[in-house]
């Protein structure tokens, strides 16, 4: 699956205020073949890994009020749903997250960027289509894990720190 097609499948999966809508991606995955769903899942793993960066984890901790391993994975999935431009900007400069309307709303006490439901979407769509999750798991083996520790060193995030001072 081409990168542009993959991003098209996840594009537009937001409410009008920027909340993630993984159901939109699920509906699109249901239209793919089993092989395409596996391709989507592999690229999804690669994109998640691109954002496995210490400065972005620091940003997630500020925005979410703390962030462990699972929370950071959910955060990165939700960041993907913000779209390719927002995702790329955040990977390059996590402080750019201060520009997202959803992040600004979160600073005021409402909304959530993380999206655990997106993480399960490919496997769920595959199961719904084929009735067989073992084939999906086998196709995805060996499991892909991000490098440890996250890449990149500490970075000052002045705009996010101003939005989330506590």
Protein backbone atom coordinates (compact mmCIF):
# COMPACT_ATOMS: atom_id res chain seq x y z
CA UNK A 1 0.00 0.00 0.00
CA UNK A 2 1.35 3.39 -0.93
CA UNK A 3 1.95 5.98 1.75
CA UNK A 4 -0.45 8.46 0.12
CA UNK A 5 -3.25 5.89 -0.01
CA UNK A 6 -2.64 4.96 3.63
CA UNK A 7 -2.90 8.60 4.72
CA UNK A 8 -6.06 8.96 2.62
CA UNK A 9 -7.62 6.07 4.57
CA UNK A 10 -7.02 7.83 7.89
CA UNK A 11 -7.81 11.35 6.65
CA UNK A 12 -11.01 13.04 7.65
CA UNK A 13 -11.48 10.87 10.74
CA UNK A 14 -12.10 13.83 13.03
CA UNK A 15 -15.12 15.63 14.37
CA UNK A 16 -15.45 19.30 13.53
CA UNK A 17 -13.59 20.12 16.78
CA UNK A 18 -10.72 17.72 16.11
CA UNK A 19 -11.80 14.74 18.24
CA UNK A 20 -10.61 11.42 16.77
CA UNK A 21 -13.23 9.26 15.00
CA UNK A 22 -11.75 5.77 14.58
CA UNK A 23 -15.12 4.52 13.31
CA UNK A 24 -14.46 6.40 10.05
CA UNK A 25 -11.22 4.44 9.56
CA UNK A 26 -13.01 1.20 10.50
CA UNK A 27 -15.63 1.82 7.81
CA UNK A 28 -12.88 2.35 5.25
CA UNK A 29 -10.94 -0.74 6.37
CA UNK A 30 -14.09 -2.86 5.93
CA UNK A 31 -13.96 -1.98 2.23
CA UNK A 32 -10.46 -3.45 1.78
CA UNK A 33 -9.36 -6.96 1.03
CA UNK A 34 -7.71 -9.01 3.81
CA UNK A 35 -4.30 -8.50 2.16
CA UNK A 36 -4.86 -4.74 2.01
CA UNK A 37 -5.83 -4.66 5.68
CA UNK A 38 -2.55 -6.38 6.55
CA UNK A 39 -0.67 -3.85 4.39
CA UNK A 40 -2.50 -1.04 6.17
CA UNK A 41 -1.58 -2.53 9.57
CA UNK A 42 2.10 -2.86 8.65
CA UNK A 43 2.30 0.73 7.50
CA UNK A 44 0.35 1.80 10.58
CA UNK A 45 3.03 0.18 12.74
CA UNK A 46 5.75 1.99 10.76
CA UNK A 47 4.01 5.35 11.14
CA UNK A 48 3.53 4.80 14.88
CA UNK A 49 7.24 4.03 15.17
CA UNK A 50 8.17 7.27 13.36
CA UNK A 51 6.59 9.13 16.27
CA UNK A 52 8.37 7.08 18.95
CA UNK A 53 10.43 10.07 20.02
CA UNK A 54 11.34 11.27 23.50
CA UNK A 55 10.41 14.92 22.80
CA UNK A 56 6.99 13.83 21.52
CA UNK A 57 6.52 11.63 24.60
CA UNK A 58 7.32 14.68 26.73
CA UNK A 59 4.69 16.64 24.79
CA UNK A 60 2.17 13.83 25.29
CA UNK A 61 2.85 13.91 29.03
CA UNK A 62 2.18 17.64 29.17
CA UNK A 63 -0.98 17.43 27.09
CA UNK A 64 -2.41 14.30 28.71
CA UNK A 65 -1.31 15.12 32.26
CA UNK A 66 1.12 12.21 32.34
CA UNK A 67 1.71 9.43 29.85
CA UNK A 68 2.92 5.84 30.24
CA UNK A 69 3.77 3.32 27.52
CA UNK A 70 0.18 2.46 26.59
CA UNK A 71 -0.93 6.06 26.85
CA UNK A 72 1.86 7.16 24.52
CA UNK A 73 0.81 4.54 21.98
CA UNK A 74 -2.80 5.79 22.20
CA UNK A 75 -1.52 9.36 21.89
CA UNK A 76 0.43 8.55 18.72
CA UNK A 77 -2.63 6.83 17.22
CA UNK A 78 -4.74 9.90 17.94
CA UNK A 79 -2.03 12.12 16.50
CA UNK A 80 -2.18 10.13 13.26
CA UNK A 81 -5.91 10.92 13.06
CA UNK A 82 -5.07 14.63 13.23
CA UNK A 83 -3.80 14.20 9.66
CA UNK A 84 -0.54 13.91 7.82
CA UNK A 85 0.44 17.60 8.10
CA UNK A 86 -0.19 17.77 11.86
CA UNK A 87 1.54 14.43 12.40
CA UNK A 88 4.63 15.42 10.39
CA UNK A 89 4.82 18.80 12.09
CA UNK A 90 4.64 17.15 15.54
CA UNK A 91 7.34 14.62 14.66
CA UNK A 92 9.59 17.47 13.50
CA UNK A 93 8.65 19.85 16.33
CA UNK A 94 6.43 18.51 19.13
CA UNK A 95 5.80 22.06 20.32
CA UNK A 96 3.77 22.56 17.12
CA UNK A 97 1.01 20.56 18.84
CA UNK A 98 0.13 23.84 20.57
CA UNK A 99 -1.39 24.91 17.23
CA UNK A 100 -3.96 22.08 17.14
CA UNK A 101 -7.47 23.23 18.09
CA UNK A 102 -8.03 19.99 20.03
CA UNK A 103 -4.89 20.54 22.09
CA UNK A 104 -6.01 24.09 22.86
CA UNK A 105 -9.39 22.73 23.99
CA UNK A 106 -7.60 20.15 26.13
CA UNK A 107 -5.70 22.99 27.82
CA UNK A 108 -9.12 24.37 28.77
CA UNK A 109 -10.16 21.01 30.20
CA UNK A 110 -12.08 19.21 27.45
CA UNK A 111 -11.27 16.69 24.77
CA UNK A 112 -8.85 13.82 24.35
CA UNK A 113 -6.21 13.28 21.69
CA UNK A 114 -5.37 9.64 22.43
CA UNK A 115 -7.23 7.00 20.45
CA UNK A 116 -6.81 3.40 21.60
CA UNK A 117 -9.65 2.26 19.32
CA UNK A 118 -7.59 2.99 16.22
CA UNK A 119 -4.92 0.56 17.38
CA UNK A 120 -7.38 -2.35 17.24
CA UNK A 121 -9.07 -1.30 14.00
CA UNK A 122 -7.02 -3.33 11.48
CA UNK A 123 -7.29 -6.58 13.46
CA UNK A 124 -10.99 -6.02 14.09
CA UNK A 125 -11.71 -5.26 10.42
CA UNK A 126 -9.76 -8.35 9.36
CA UNK A 127 -11.71 -10.51 11.82
CA UNK A 128 -15.04 -9.09 10.63
CA UNK A 129 -14.10 -9.76 7.01
CA UNK A 130 -12.60 -13.23 7.39
CA UNK A 131 -13.63 -14.52 10.81
CA UNK A 132 -9.99 -15.44 11.37
CA UNK A 133 -7.74 -13.37 13.63
CA UNK A 134 -4.99 -16.02 13.71
CA UNK A 135 -4.27 -15.41 10.03
CA UNK A 136 -3.97 -11.69 10.72
CA UNK A 137 -1.66 -12.30 13.67
CA UNK A 138 0.47 -14.69 11.61
CA UNK A 139 0.69 -12.16 8.77
CA UNK A 140 1.83 -9.51 11.23
CA UNK A 141 4.42 -11.76 12.92
CA UNK A 142 6.94 -11.18 14.21
CA UNK A 143 5.38 -8.42 16.29
CA UNK A 144 6.83 -5.03 15.51
CA UNK A 145 7.98 -3.13 18.58
CA UNK A 146 9.37 0.38 18.64
CA UNK A 147 13.00 0.79 19.52
CA UNK A 148 13.78 1.23 23.17
CA UNK A 149 14.40 3.80 24.52
CA UNK A 150 12.63 6.36 22.37
CA UNK A 151 14.81 8.25 19.92
CA UNK A 152 15.76 11.85 20.44
CA UNK A 153 16.77 13.68 23.54
CA UNK A 154 14.97 16.15 25.75
CA UNK A 155 13.74 19.27 24.06
CA UNK A 156 12.20 22.43 25.47
CA UNK A 157 8.53 22.79 24.62
CA UNK A 158 7.78 26.41 25.59
CA UNK A 159 4.41 26.75 23.85
CA UNK A 160 3.02 23.52 25.27
CA UNK A 161 4.43 24.30 28.70
CA UNK A 162 2.61 27.64 28.57
CA UNK A 163 -0.66 25.88 27.66
CA UNK A 164 -0.21 23.16 30.31
CA UNK A 165 1.73 24.83 33.14
CA UNK A 166 0.94 22.15 35.76
